[in-house]
Amino acid sequence: MTKEATAVGRLAYPERIKRPVSRDDCNSIPRPCPFVGCRHNLYLDVNEETGTIKFNFPWLEPHEMEESCALDVAGEGDHTLEVVGEFINVTRERVRQLEEVVEAKLILEEETHQLKEDVEELNRDREAGWYQDHSAA
C-alpha cells in the first residue's frame, strides 16, 4: 500500500477511539489490549519493509489472548526462552536466534556510538590546535 493510499484511508476512516500514545496511557486500558495495530501487541506482527501481516495466533480472537502486550510481559521480569516463545508463538530455538540478532545489533550500535564520540573528540582536538596533520609531509 502506498503512502498516498494510506493517507486517503485515514481521511475516509478516521479513528473514533483515541489510541494510547505513551506507556502511561496504556496502563488504564483493560487487558487483553484491543489495539492489535500497536507494535507492542502480541496478536500480530507487521513487516515494516513489505507491509505484510503475520497473525501470531490465528486460532484466537484478540479478546481471547491471555497476554496481549509485549511491554506487560517485559515488565514481569525475566522469562525462559520457552515462555517467550509461547508469547510470540515461535520455538525456543527461534527465540534464541532472535536474541543473537538483537545482541549483535546492540553491540554494533554501541560501537558506532563510541566511534562517533571518538571522531567528535578528534575534531575538537584538531580545532583546539592539539593535533597537527603530518600526512602531507
C-alpha atoms as a PDB file:
ATOM      1  CA  MET A   1       0.000   0.000   0.000  1.00  0.00           C
ATOM      2  CA  THR A   2       1.378   3.384  -0.940  1.00  0.00           C
ATOM      3  CA  LYS A   3       1.687   6.331   1.426  1.00  0.00           C
ATOM      4  CA  GLU A   4      -0.930   8.146  -0.603  1.00  0.00           C
ATOM      5  CA  ALA A   5      -3.387   5.261  -0.272  1.00  0.00           C
ATOM      6  CA  THR A   6      -2.756   5.138   3.482  1.00  0.00           C
ATOM      7  CA  ALA A   7      -3.400   8.887   3.768  1.00  0.00           C
ATOM      8  CA  VAL A   8      -6.656   8.552   1.788  1.00  0.00           C
ATOM      9  CA  GLY A   9      -7.694   5.675   4.062  1.00  0.00           C
ATOM     10  CA  ARG A  10      -7.038   7.760   7.174  1.00  0.00           C
ATOM     11  CA  LEU A  11      -9.256  10.516   5.787  1.00  0.00           C
ATOM     12  CA  ALA A  12     -12.000   8.106   4.758  1.00  0.00           C
ATOM     13  CA  TYR A  13     -11.942   6.135   8.011  1.00  0.00           C
ATOM     14  CA  PRO A  14     -10.826   8.383  10.881  1.00  0.00           C
ATOM     15  CA  GLU A  15     -10.109   6.739  14.217  1.00  0.00           C
ATOM     16  CA  ARG A  16     -13.067   7.126  16.539  1.00  0.00           C
ATOM     17  CA  ILE A  17     -11.223   5.829  19.591  1.00  0.00           C
ATOM     18  CA  LYS A  18      -8.204   7.669  20.897  1.00  0.00           C
ATOM     19  CA  ARG A  19      -5.202   5.348  20.788  1.00  0.00           C
ATOM     20  CA  PRO A  20      -2.695   5.406  23.631  1.00  0.00           C
ATOM     21  CA  VAL A  21       0.404   7.459  22.916  1.00  0.00           C
ATOM     22  CA  SER A  22       2.557   6.596  25.930  1.00  0.00           C
ATOM     23  CA  ARG A  23       3.049   3.640  28.254  1.00  0.00           C
ATOM     24  CA  ASP A  24       1.164   5.568  30.946  1.00  0.00           C
ATOM     25  CA  ASP A  25      -1.834   5.804  28.603  1.00  0.00           C
ATOM     26  CA  CYS A  26      -1.745   2.019  28.173  1.00  0.00           C
ATOM     27  CA  ASN A  27      -1.888   1.271  31.876  1.00  0.00           C
ATOM     28  CA  SER A  28      -5.532   2.356  32.067  1.00  0.00           C
ATOM     29  CA  ILE A  29      -6.661   0.184  29.134  1.00  0.00           C
ATOM     30  CA  PRO A  30      -8.218  -3.157  30.089  1.00  0.00           C
ATOM     31  CA  ARG A  31      -6.428  -6.322  29.034  1.00  0.00           C
ATOM     32  CA  PRO A  32      -6.255  -8.023  26.651  1.00  0.00           C
ATOM     33  CA  CYS A  33      -5.376  -4.868  24.755  1.00  0.00           C
ATOM     34  CA  PRO A  34      -7.785  -4.140  21.874  1.00  0.00           C
ATOM     35  CA  PHE A  35      -5.195  -2.187  19.852  1.00  0.00           C
ATOM     36  CA  VAL A  36      -3.830  -5.004  17.697  1.00  0.00           C
ATOM     37  CA  GLY A  37      -2.203  -2.439  15.403  1.00  0.00           C
ATOM     38  CA  CYS A  38       0.144  -1.333  18.187  1.00  0.00           C
ATOM     39  CA  ARG A  39       3.710  -2.505  17.600  1.00  0.00           C
ATOM     40  CA  HIS A  40       3.799  -3.963  21.111  1.00  0.00           C
ATOM     41  CA  ASN A  41       0.637  -6.038  20.710  1.00  0.00           C
ATOM     42  CA  LEU A  42       1.388  -9.758  20.502  1.00  0.00           C
ATOM     43  CA  TYR A  43      -1.620 -10.629  18.323  1.00  0.00           C
ATOM     44  CA  LEU A  44       0.030  -9.775  15.026  1.00  0.00           C
ATOM     45  CA  ASP A  45       3.286  -8.564  13.512  1.00  0.00           C
ATOM     46  CA  VAL A  46       3.619  -6.161  10.598  1.00  0.00           C
ATOM     47  CA  ASN A  47       6.741  -6.365   8.472  1.00  0.00           C
ATOM     48  CA  GLU A  48       7.779  -2.724   8.096  1.00  0.00           C
ATOM     49  CA  GLU A  49       9.664  -3.395   4.853  1.00  0.00           C
ATOM     50  CA  THR A  50       6.944  -5.283   2.974  1.00  0.00           C
ATOM     51  CA  GLY A  51       3.799  -4.337   4.886  1.00  0.00           C
ATOM     52  CA  THR A  52       2.813  -7.989   5.255  1.00  0.00           C
ATOM     53  CA  ILE A  53       0.864  -9.043   8.332  1.00  0.00           C
ATOM     54  CA  LYS A  54       1.553 -12.213  10.303  1.00  0.00           C
ATOM     55  CA  PHE A  55      -1.100 -13.388  12.725  1.00  0.00           C
ATOM     56  CA  ASN A  56       0.814 -14.930  15.624  1.00  0.00           C
ATOM     57  CA  PHE A  57      -2.271 -16.705  16.959  1.00  0.00           C
ATOM     58  CA  PRO A  58      -4.642 -17.249  14.009  1.00  0.00           C
ATOM     59  CA  TRP A  59      -6.862 -19.570  16.049  1.00  0.00           C
ATOM     60  CA  LEU A  60      -7.567 -16.846  18.646  1.00  0.00           C
ATOM     61  CA  GLU A  61      -9.502 -13.614  18.564  1.00  0.00           C
ATOM     62  CA  PRO A  62      -7.708 -10.638  20.185  1.00  0.00           C
ATOM     63  CA  HIS A  63     -10.032 -10.693  23.211  1.00  0.00           C
ATOM     64  CA  GLU A  64      -9.179 -14.374  23.841  1.00  0.00           C
ATOM     65  CA  MET A  65      -5.472 -13.787  24.426  1.00  0.00           C
ATOM     66  CA  GLU A  66      -4.090 -14.254  27.935  1.00  0.00           C
ATOM     67  CA  GLU A  67      -1.161 -11.892  27.303  1.00  0.00           C
ATOM     68  CA  SER A  68      -1.537  -9.236  24.630  1.00  0.00           C
ATOM     69  CA  CYS A  69       1.204  -6.656  25.258  1.00  0.00           C
ATOM     70  CA  ALA A  70       4.960  -7.207  24.977  1.00  0.00           C
ATOM     71  CA  LEU A  71       5.526  -4.329  27.397  1.00  0.00           C
ATOM     72  CA  ASP A  72       3.373  -6.029  30.036  1.00  0.00           C
ATOM     73  CA  VAL A  73       5.346  -9.250  29.588  1.00  0.00           C
ATOM     74  CA  ALA A  74       8.671  -7.407  29.786  1.00  0.00           C
ATOM     75  CA  GLY A  75       7.507  -5.669  32.956  1.00  0.00           C
ATOM     76  CA  GLU A  76       7.043  -9.041  34.621  1.00  0.00           C
ATOM     77  CA  GLY A  77      10.814  -9.658  34.564  1.00  0.00           C
ATOM     78  CA  ASP A  78      12.967 -12.389  33.042  1.00  0.00           C
ATOM     79  CA  HIS A  79      11.405 -15.320  31.212  1.00  0.00           C
ATOM     80  CA  THR A  80      12.847 -18.537  29.807  1.00  0.00           C
ATOM     81  CA  LEU A  81      13.226 -18.933  26.055  1.00  0.00           C
ATOM     82  CA  GLU A  82      10.331 -21.401  26.101  1.00  0.00           C
ATOM     83  CA  VAL A  83       8.000 -18.910  27.780  1.00  0.00           C
ATOM     84  CA  VAL A  84       8.986 -16.107  25.406  1.00  0.00           C
ATOM     85  CA  GLY A  85       8.379 -18.486  22.505  1.00  0.00           C
ATOM     86  CA  GLU A  86       4.875 -19.180  23.806  1.00  0.00           C
ATOM     87  CA  PHE A  87       4.135 -15.451  23.971  1.00  0.00           C
ATOM     88  CA  ILE A  88       5.041 -14.920  20.313  1.00  0.00           C
ATOM     89  CA  ASN A  89       4.181 -18.410  19.010  1.00  0.00           C
ATOM     90  CA  VAL A  90       7.666 -19.477  17.926  1.00  0.00           C
ATOM     91  CA  THR A  91      10.028 -22.215  19.066  1.00  0.00           C
ATOM     92  CA  ARG A  92      12.641 -21.879  21.801  1.00  0.00           C
ATOM     93  CA  GLU A  93      15.351 -22.152  19.128  1.00  0.00           C
ATOM     94  CA  ARG A  94      13.850 -19.285  17.116  1.00  0.00           C
ATOM     95  CA  VAL A  95      13.794 -17.109  20.247  1.00  0.00           C
ATOM     96  CA  ARG A  96      17.477 -17.930  20.806  1.00  0.00           C
ATOM     97  CA  GLN A  97      18.265 -16.952  17.191  1.00  0.00           C
ATOM     98  CA  LEU A  98      16.359 -13.677  17.544  1.00  0.00           C
ATOM     99  CA  GLU A  99      18.186 -12.982  20.793  1.00  0.00           C
ATOM    100  CA  GLU A 100      21.534 -13.378  18.999  1.00  0.00           C
ATOM    101  CA  VAL A 101      20.470 -10.977  16.237  1.00  0.00           C
ATOM    102  CA  VAL A 102      19.332  -8.356  18.750  1.00  0.00           C
ATOM    103  CA  GLU A 103      22.526  -8.685  20.805  1.00  0.00           C
ATOM    104  CA  ALA A 104      24.642  -8.239  17.667  1.00  0.00           C
ATOM    105  CA  LYS A 105      22.657  -5.133  16.696  1.00  0.00           C
ATOM    106  CA  LEU A 106      23.066  -3.674  20.188  1.00  0.00           C
ATOM    107  CA  ILE A 107      26.832  -4.272  20.107  1.00  0.00           C
ATOM    108  CA  LEU A 108      27.081  -2.656  16.658  1.00  0.00           C
ATOM    109  CA  GLU A 109      25.025   0.309  17.849  1.00  0.00           C
ATOM    110  CA  GLU A 110      27.267   0.723  20.894  1.00  0.00           C
ATOM    111  CA  GLU A 111      30.424   0.520  18.765  1.00  0.00           C
ATOM    112  CA  THR A 112      29.003   3.033  16.290  1.00  0.00           C
ATOM    113  CA  HIS A 113      28.157   5.427  19.124  1.00  0.00           C
ATOM    114  CA  GLN A 114      31.686   5.098  20.548  1.00  0.00           C
ATOM    115  CA  LEU A 115      33.226   5.690  17.112  1.00  0.00           C
ATOM    116  CA  LYS A 116      31.134   8.864  16.670  1.00  0.00           C
ATOM    117  CA  GLU A 117      32.295  10.121  20.077  1.00  0.00           C
ATOM    118  CA  ASP A 118      35.927   9.405  19.147  1.00  0.00           C
ATOM    119  CA  VAL A 119      35.584  11.323  15.871  1.00  0.00           C
ATOM    120  CA  GLU A 120      33.952  14.263  17.656  1.00  0.00           C
ATOM    121  CA  GLU A 121      36.775  14.322  20.218  1.00  0.00           C
ATOM    122  CA  LEU A 122      39.377  14.204  17.444  1.00  0.00           C
ATOM    123  CA  ASN A 123      37.665  17.117  15.686  1.00  0.00           C
ATOM    124  CA  ARG A 124      37.568  19.146  18.921  1.00  0.00           C
ATOM    125  CA  ASP A 125      41.275  18.470  19.499  1.00  0.00           C
ATOM    126  CA  ARG A 126      42.052  19.450  15.901  1.00  0.00           C
ATOM    127  CA  GLU A 127      40.082  22.698  16.269  1.00  0.00           C
ATOM    128  CA  ALA A 128      41.892  23.454  19.546  1.00  0.00           C
ATOM    129  CA  GLY A 129      45.243  23.011  17.811  1.00  0.00           C
ATOM    130  CA  TRP A 130      46.203  19.900  19.775  1.00  0.00           C
ATOM    131  CA  TYR A 131      46.547  17.794  16.681  1.00  0.00           C
ATOM    132  CA  GLN A 132      48.680  18.507  13.677  1.00  0.00           C
ATOM    133  CA  ASP A 133      48.202  16.637  10.436  1.00  0.00           C
ATOM    134  CA  HIS A 134      51.602  15.224   9.367  1.00  0.00           C
ATOM    135  CA  SER A 135      50.246  13.210   6.453  1.00  0.00           C
ATOM    136  CA  ALA A 136      51.313  15.891   3.952  1.00  0.00           C
ATOM    137  CA  ALA A 137      54.980  15.519   4.926  1.00  0.00           C
END
